[in-house]
Amino acid sequence: MASSINFSHRLDAQTRLDDRSNRDLRAQYRFRYYPTIHFGNDNTWSLNSFVVTGDRFSSSHNVIDSGETNHLYVRRLFARYENQDGKVELGVIPTYKGRVSSSGLSSFGWIKGVRGVRQLASNTAIELVVGQLDDINAKNALELPRDIDYAELEYSTGIGEDQSFEVSLEYMTNNSYLRGEYRWRVAEHQTLFLEAIRQKDQSSTKLVAGMSGEFFVEQYPVEYFAHYSYVSERFGLRAELTEDFLGKGHGVSAEFSGSLYSQYSVEWFVRFDSADGVSRLLTGVKAPLFK
């Protein structure tokens, strides 16, 4: 049987208001585009890319009516081989192998290198990533790597059906880190999580503790995500490369979202953050344009 080549892609959009206590109200928008080419009848081989607005590693929004922020860059371009035993990714790869943790690098970022994931059991895996993370400007994401300055070794496993943990050793931004994460699904629609990162050289720490899930207002489902965080003052650039970083010290965050027009998969969201004496309110809508 002749091998086949299949193309798939998806595009989504978001618009939001960003109201921070230390600057003027901003109206923002975001486009994310994910094209993929699958090779072979079993789709084990693929070529993947990611195009998004924003100009920095952890930024994905442009400001409406600002001629200086109309950015759109290709941030990833990588080959992937995947089967039941794991996967290998090579090129400008994602920062994550699956779900993105609160303490993990931003889902909009990239690493120039290779990732290998070995599935040891149905809920146990070991991951190794080696590459370069030296430039956080999105316009330079596809430039060829010059040296190796990033490494991560992670072990993840499940404890029964409702609990899981992972532990990893990381080297990035000229520092070494030990990271751990524990998750416990305490009810059908509720999960507790605890994450911690220890920076070796500066003896600094980042802690995250929170809850995510879903509740119902009569018959209407509302998803939520809330957490407390603490980031040591000397923790460095590693803290700023996470999603929507606001500040160091003690912080809290809570986000709620739900369906606005289910026929078109349009969702609303509201998020509040507070850290380092700065507060922020985000609210907006998001929807897939095609998939």
Foldseek 3Di string as FASTA:
>chain_A
DDKDKDKDKWKKKWWKWKDKPVDHIFTKMKMKMKIKIAIGPVSQKIKIWIKMFDWFQQDGIFTPPDPVRRGIAIQWIWMKGDDPFWIKIAAFAFQDDDDADQLGFHRSHTFHWMKTWGDPDPFKIKMKTWGDDDGGTRNCNRPHDDDIQKIKIKIKGADPDFKIKMWMWIGHPNWIKIKMKIWGAPDPFKIWMKIKMAIDPVRWIKIKTWMWGWDDDPNFIKTKTKIKMAGDPPNPPSQVRGHPRDEHGIKIKMKIKGADDVVQRKMKMWMWMDDPRMIMIMIIIMGIPGD
